[in-house]
């Protein structure tokens, strides 16, 4: 199946999931994750109307963003960020959102670099990555530490703009309890902070319908767009 055909099928599934949840499909942004696929595949997806792309690794993101800079895609960093990669990450053209802010040390590194590099650009938009499933392979701040991390970002990182939460569903089993828990956490953080925190980045190729039912506003799909890696 071609990338164009996969995108068409995926958009239909997103629309159906939104309809089943009583939501408008326009509320859900598709982030096409191009990990291990060439820049040519991103160009093909753009030819079929896809504009938002994600990468898991800073080096791969930086390379593709440079190669495609003239095309103007919007880039999201969806993978774990090491502090020694912050400088390279924040130099990426078209970087619009970091999904994986999971610790104070990273927040401080992003703040320090963006404060000196933003050059008139707005605050750096970030999501707090939350670890809900308890699986050791998944990164993120624990649920009971999310409020403290958000407080730190608001108080000590004025050049960062926390916009919501990101989480991954379980490797096995029903993802719905995980996504429901993340949505409830977002509501508690809104009440505690007074921030709108409108973004919920939840759902991947195998579980995005359940994420949309729980309120996800952003789904991160790789295989469903680009095919097997």
Protein backbone atom coordinates (compact mmCIF):
# COMPACT_ATOMS: atom_id res chain seq x y z
CA UNK A 1 0.00 0.00 0.00
CA UNK A 2 1.31 3.46 -0.86
CA UNK A 3 1.83 6.26 1.65
CA UNK A 4 -1.05 8.17 0.08
CA UNK A 5 -3.38 5.18 0.47
CA UNK A 6 -2.28 4.63 4.06
CA UNK A 7 -2.91 8.29 4.88
CA UNK A 8 -6.37 8.16 3.36
CA UNK A 9 -7.23 5.02 5.34
CA UNK A 10 -5.80 6.49 8.53
CA UNK A 11 -7.73 9.75 8.18
CA UNK A 12 -10.92 7.76 7.69
CA UNK A 13 -10.20 5.75 10.85
CA UNK A 14 -9.49 8.93 12.84
CA UNK A 15 -12.73 10.47 11.60
CA UNK A 16 -14.67 7.33 12.53
CA UNK A 17 -13.11 7.21 15.99
CA UNK A 18 -13.96 10.87 16.55
CA UNK A 19 -17.54 10.33 15.39
CA UNK A 20 -17.91 7.38 17.75
CA UNK A 21 -16.68 9.58 20.62
CA UNK A 22 -18.93 12.50 19.66
CA UNK A 23 -15.94 14.61 18.70
CA UNK A 24 -14.96 16.71 15.70
CA UNK A 25 -12.16 15.12 13.66
CA UNK A 26 -10.57 18.55 13.38
CA UNK A 27 -9.73 18.29 17.10
CA UNK A 28 -7.16 15.54 16.45
CA UNK A 29 -3.77 16.26 14.87
CA UNK A 30 -1.98 13.44 13.09
CA UNK A 31 1.77 13.39 13.73
CA UNK A 32 3.37 11.15 11.09
CA UNK A 33 6.43 9.58 12.73
CA UNK A 34 9.07 9.01 10.07
CA UNK A 35 11.60 7.13 12.21
CA UNK A 36 13.96 5.05 10.01
CA UNK A 37 12.26 6.23 6.82
CA UNK A 38 14.04 8.54 4.35
CA UNK A 39 13.29 12.17 3.67
CA UNK A 40 11.79 11.07 0.36
CA UNK A 41 9.01 9.31 2.27
CA UNK A 42 8.27 12.53 4.16
CA UNK A 43 8.08 14.38 0.84
CA UNK A 44 5.63 11.77 -0.46
CA UNK A 45 3.45 12.19 2.63
CA UNK A 46 3.55 15.96 2.19
CA UNK A 47 2.36 15.52 -1.40
CA UNK A 48 -0.74 13.88 0.08
CA UNK A 49 -1.45 16.73 2.48
CA UNK A 50 0.44 15.66 5.61
CA UNK A 51 2.22 18.60 7.25
CA UNK A 52 3.15 17.49 10.79
CA UNK A 53 5.95 14.97 11.33
CA UNK A 54 7.68 13.46 14.33
CA UNK A 55 11.04 11.89 15.02
CA UNK A 56 12.39 9.86 17.92
CA UNK A 57 16.08 10.73 17.63
CA UNK A 58 17.64 14.16 17.52
CA UNK A 59 20.27 13.27 14.93
CA UNK A 60 17.73 11.82 12.50
CA UNK A 61 15.37 14.74 13.07
CA UNK A 62 18.11 17.30 12.44
CA UNK A 63 19.21 15.63 9.23
CA UNK A 64 15.74 15.35 7.73
CA UNK A 65 14.77 18.85 8.83
CA UNK A 66 17.79 20.31 7.07
CA UNK A 67 17.10 18.31 3.92
CA UNK A 68 13.44 19.34 3.86
CA UNK A 69 13.76 22.89 5.17
CA UNK A 70 12.55 24.44 1.94
CA UNK A 71 9.38 22.31 2.04
CA UNK A 72 8.46 23.72 5.45
CA UNK A 73 7.10 20.72 7.39
CA UNK A 74 6.28 21.09 11.07
CA UNK A 75 8.51 18.90 13.23
CA UNK A 76 7.81 17.36 16.62
CA UNK A 77 10.36 15.64 18.82
CA UNK A 78 8.55 12.61 20.21
CA UNK A 79 11.47 10.59 21.63
CA UNK A 80 13.60 10.83 24.72
CA UNK A 81 15.96 13.83 24.76
CA UNK A 82 19.37 13.67 26.39
CA UNK A 83 20.59 16.98 27.76
CA UNK A 84 23.73 16.84 25.62
CA UNK A 85 21.50 16.87 22.52
CA UNK A 86 19.53 20.00 23.47
CA UNK A 87 21.68 22.39 21.43
CA UNK A 88 21.28 20.30 18.27
CA UNK A 89 17.55 19.84 18.88
CA UNK A 90 16.80 23.52 19.30
CA UNK A 91 18.66 24.32 16.07
CA UNK A 92 16.22 22.19 14.04
CA UNK A 93 14.34 24.30 11.47
CA UNK A 94 10.60 23.92 11.83
CA UNK A 95 10.70 22.50 15.37
CA UNK A 96 7.25 23.18 16.81
CA UNK A 97 6.74 20.92 19.83
CA UNK A 98 8.72 18.69 22.17
CA UNK A 99 6.57 15.80 23.44
CA UNK A 100 9.08 14.30 25.87
CA UNK A 101 9.85 16.73 28.69
CA UNK A 102 10.15 14.28 31.58
CA UNK A 103 12.52 15.74 34.19
CA UNK A 104 13.68 19.00 35.74
CA UNK A 105 17.24 18.63 34.43
CA UNK A 106 15.95 18.55 30.86
CA UNK A 107 13.62 21.49 31.51
CA UNK A 108 16.55 23.52 32.83
CA UNK A 109 18.72 22.63 29.82
CA UNK A 110 15.96 23.58 27.38
CA UNK A 111 15.35 26.83 29.25
CA UNK A 112 19.02 27.81 29.26
CA UNK A 113 19.49 27.12 25.57
CA UNK A 114 16.20 28.58 24.34
CA UNK A 115 16.64 31.75 26.38
CA UNK A 116 19.80 32.50 24.42
CA UNK A 117 18.77 31.04 21.04
CA UNK A 118 15.12 31.98 20.57
CA UNK A 119 15.95 35.32 18.85
CA UNK A 120 12.51 36.79 18.96
CA UNK A 121 10.66 33.51 18.58
CA UNK A 122 7.94 32.61 21.04
CA UNK A 123 8.27 30.31 24.05
CA UNK A 124 9.32 26.73 23.37
CA UNK A 125 6.20 24.55 23.37
CA UNK A 126 6.56 21.33 25.36
CA UNK A 127 4.49 18.44 26.66
CA UNK A 128 5.20 16.64 29.92
CA UNK A 129 5.77 12.96 29.19
CA UNK A 130 4.05 10.88 31.86
CA UNK A 131 4.85 7.22 32.65
CA UNK A 132 1.59 5.49 33.51
CA UNK A 133 2.01 1.83 32.59
CA UNK A 134 4.89 1.00 34.93
CA UNK A 135 6.82 -0.64 32.10
CA UNK A 136 10.59 -0.08 32.56
CA UNK A 137 11.14 0.50 28.83
CA UNK A 138 8.92 3.60 28.83
CA UNK A 139 10.24 6.98 29.90
CA UNK A 140 8.32 9.74 31.64
CA UNK A 141 7.70 11.46 34.92
CA UNK A 142 5.65 9.33 37.35
CA UNK A 143 2.03 10.37 37.73
CA UNK A 144 2.66 11.53 41.30
CA UNK A 145 5.57 13.68 40.14
CA UNK A 146 3.84 15.45 37.25
CA UNK A 147 2.53 18.35 39.31
CA UNK A 148 5.98 19.09 40.77
CA UNK A 149 7.55 19.02 37.30
CA UNK A 150 4.89 21.35 35.93
CA UNK A 151 5.39 23.70 38.87
CA UNK A 152 9.13 23.76 38.22
CA UNK A 153 8.65 24.57 34.53
CA UNK A 154 6.19 27.37 35.26
CA UNK A 155 8.28 28.86 38.07
CA UNK A 156 11.83 28.41 36.81
CA UNK A 157 11.62 28.08 33.01
CA UNK A 158 9.91 31.22 31.68
CA UNK A 159 10.95 30.53 28.09
CA UNK A 160 9.12 27.19 28.02
CA UNK A 161 5.39 26.87 27.38
CA UNK A 162 3.89 23.65 28.81
CA UNK A 163 0.93 22.75 26.58
CA UNK A 164 -0.25 19.41 27.92
CA UNK A 165 0.75 15.79 28.41
CA UNK A 166 2.16 12.94 26.36
CA UNK A 167 1.90 9.27 27.27
CA UNK A 168 2.26 5.83 25.73
CA UNK A 169 -0.21 3.00 26.11
CA UNK A 170 0.78 -0.44 27.43
CA UNK A 171 2.67 -2.87 25.25
CA UNK A 172 -0.01 -5.49 25.88
CA UNK A 173 -3.57 -5.41 27.15
CA UNK A 174 -6.34 -2.85 27.09
CA UNK A 175 -4.96 0.69 26.61
CA UNK A 176 -8.15 2.43 27.68
CA UNK A 177 -7.42 2.61 31.44
CA UNK A 178 -4.03 4.18 30.74
CA UNK A 179 -5.43 6.84 28.45
CA UNK A 180 -8.30 7.57 30.84
CA UNK A 181 -5.81 8.02 33.68
CA UNK A 182 -3.72 10.47 31.64
CA UNK A 183 -6.81 12.50 30.72
CA UNK A 184 -7.81 12.65 34.39
CA UNK A 185 -4.29 13.75 35.35
CA UNK A 186 -4.44 16.53 32.77
CA UNK A 187 -7.71 17.75 34.29
CA UNK A 188 -6.17 17.80 37.77
CA UNK A 189 -3.14 19.70 36.52
CA UNK A 190 -5.37 22.27 34.81
CA UNK A 191 -7.24 22.83 38.05
CA UNK A 192 -4.05 23.09 40.09
CA UNK A 193 -2.10 25.35 37.71
CA UNK A 194 -4.76 27.41 36.00
CA UNK A 195 -3.11 26.58 32.66
CA UNK A 196 -5.28 25.38 29.75
CA UNK A 197 -2.97 22.44 28.88
CA UNK A 198 -5.02 21.70 25.77
CA UNK A 199 -2.83 19.01 24.19
CA UNK A 200 -3.09 15.30 24.98
CA UNK A 201 -0.60 13.38 22.84
CA UNK A 202 -1.80 9.79 23.17
CA UNK A 203 -2.19 6.93 20.75
CA UNK A 204 -0.04 5.20 18.15
CA UNK A 205 -0.71 2.90 15.20
CA UNK A 206 -2.18 0.10 17.29
CA UNK A 207 -4.22 2.02 19.86
CA UNK A 208 -5.10 5.49 18.61
CA UNK A 209 -8.83 4.81 18.47
CA UNK A 210 -8.86 4.11 22.21
CA UNK A 211 -6.79 7.24 22.79
CA UNK A 212 -9.23 9.38 20.80
CA UNK A 213 -12.12 7.95 22.82
CA UNK A 214 -10.29 9.10 25.99
CA UNK A 215 -9.74 12.63 24.66
CA UNK A 216 -6.45 12.55 22.75
CA UNK A 217 -5.86 15.62 20.60
CA UNK A 218 -2.69 14.34 18.92
CA UNK A 219 -1.89 10.84 17.67
CA UNK A 220 1.64 9.71 16.78
CA UNK A 221 1.52 7.19 13.92
CA UNK A 222 4.53 5.71 12.15
CA UNK A 223 3.82 2.30 10.64
CA UNK A 224 0.26 3.30 9.81
CA UNK A 225 1.60 6.04 7.54
CA UNK A 226 4.96 4.85 6.26
CA UNK A 227 4.64 1.07 6.51
CA UNK A 228 7.04 -1.33 8.26
CA UNK A 229 10.49 0.03 9.12
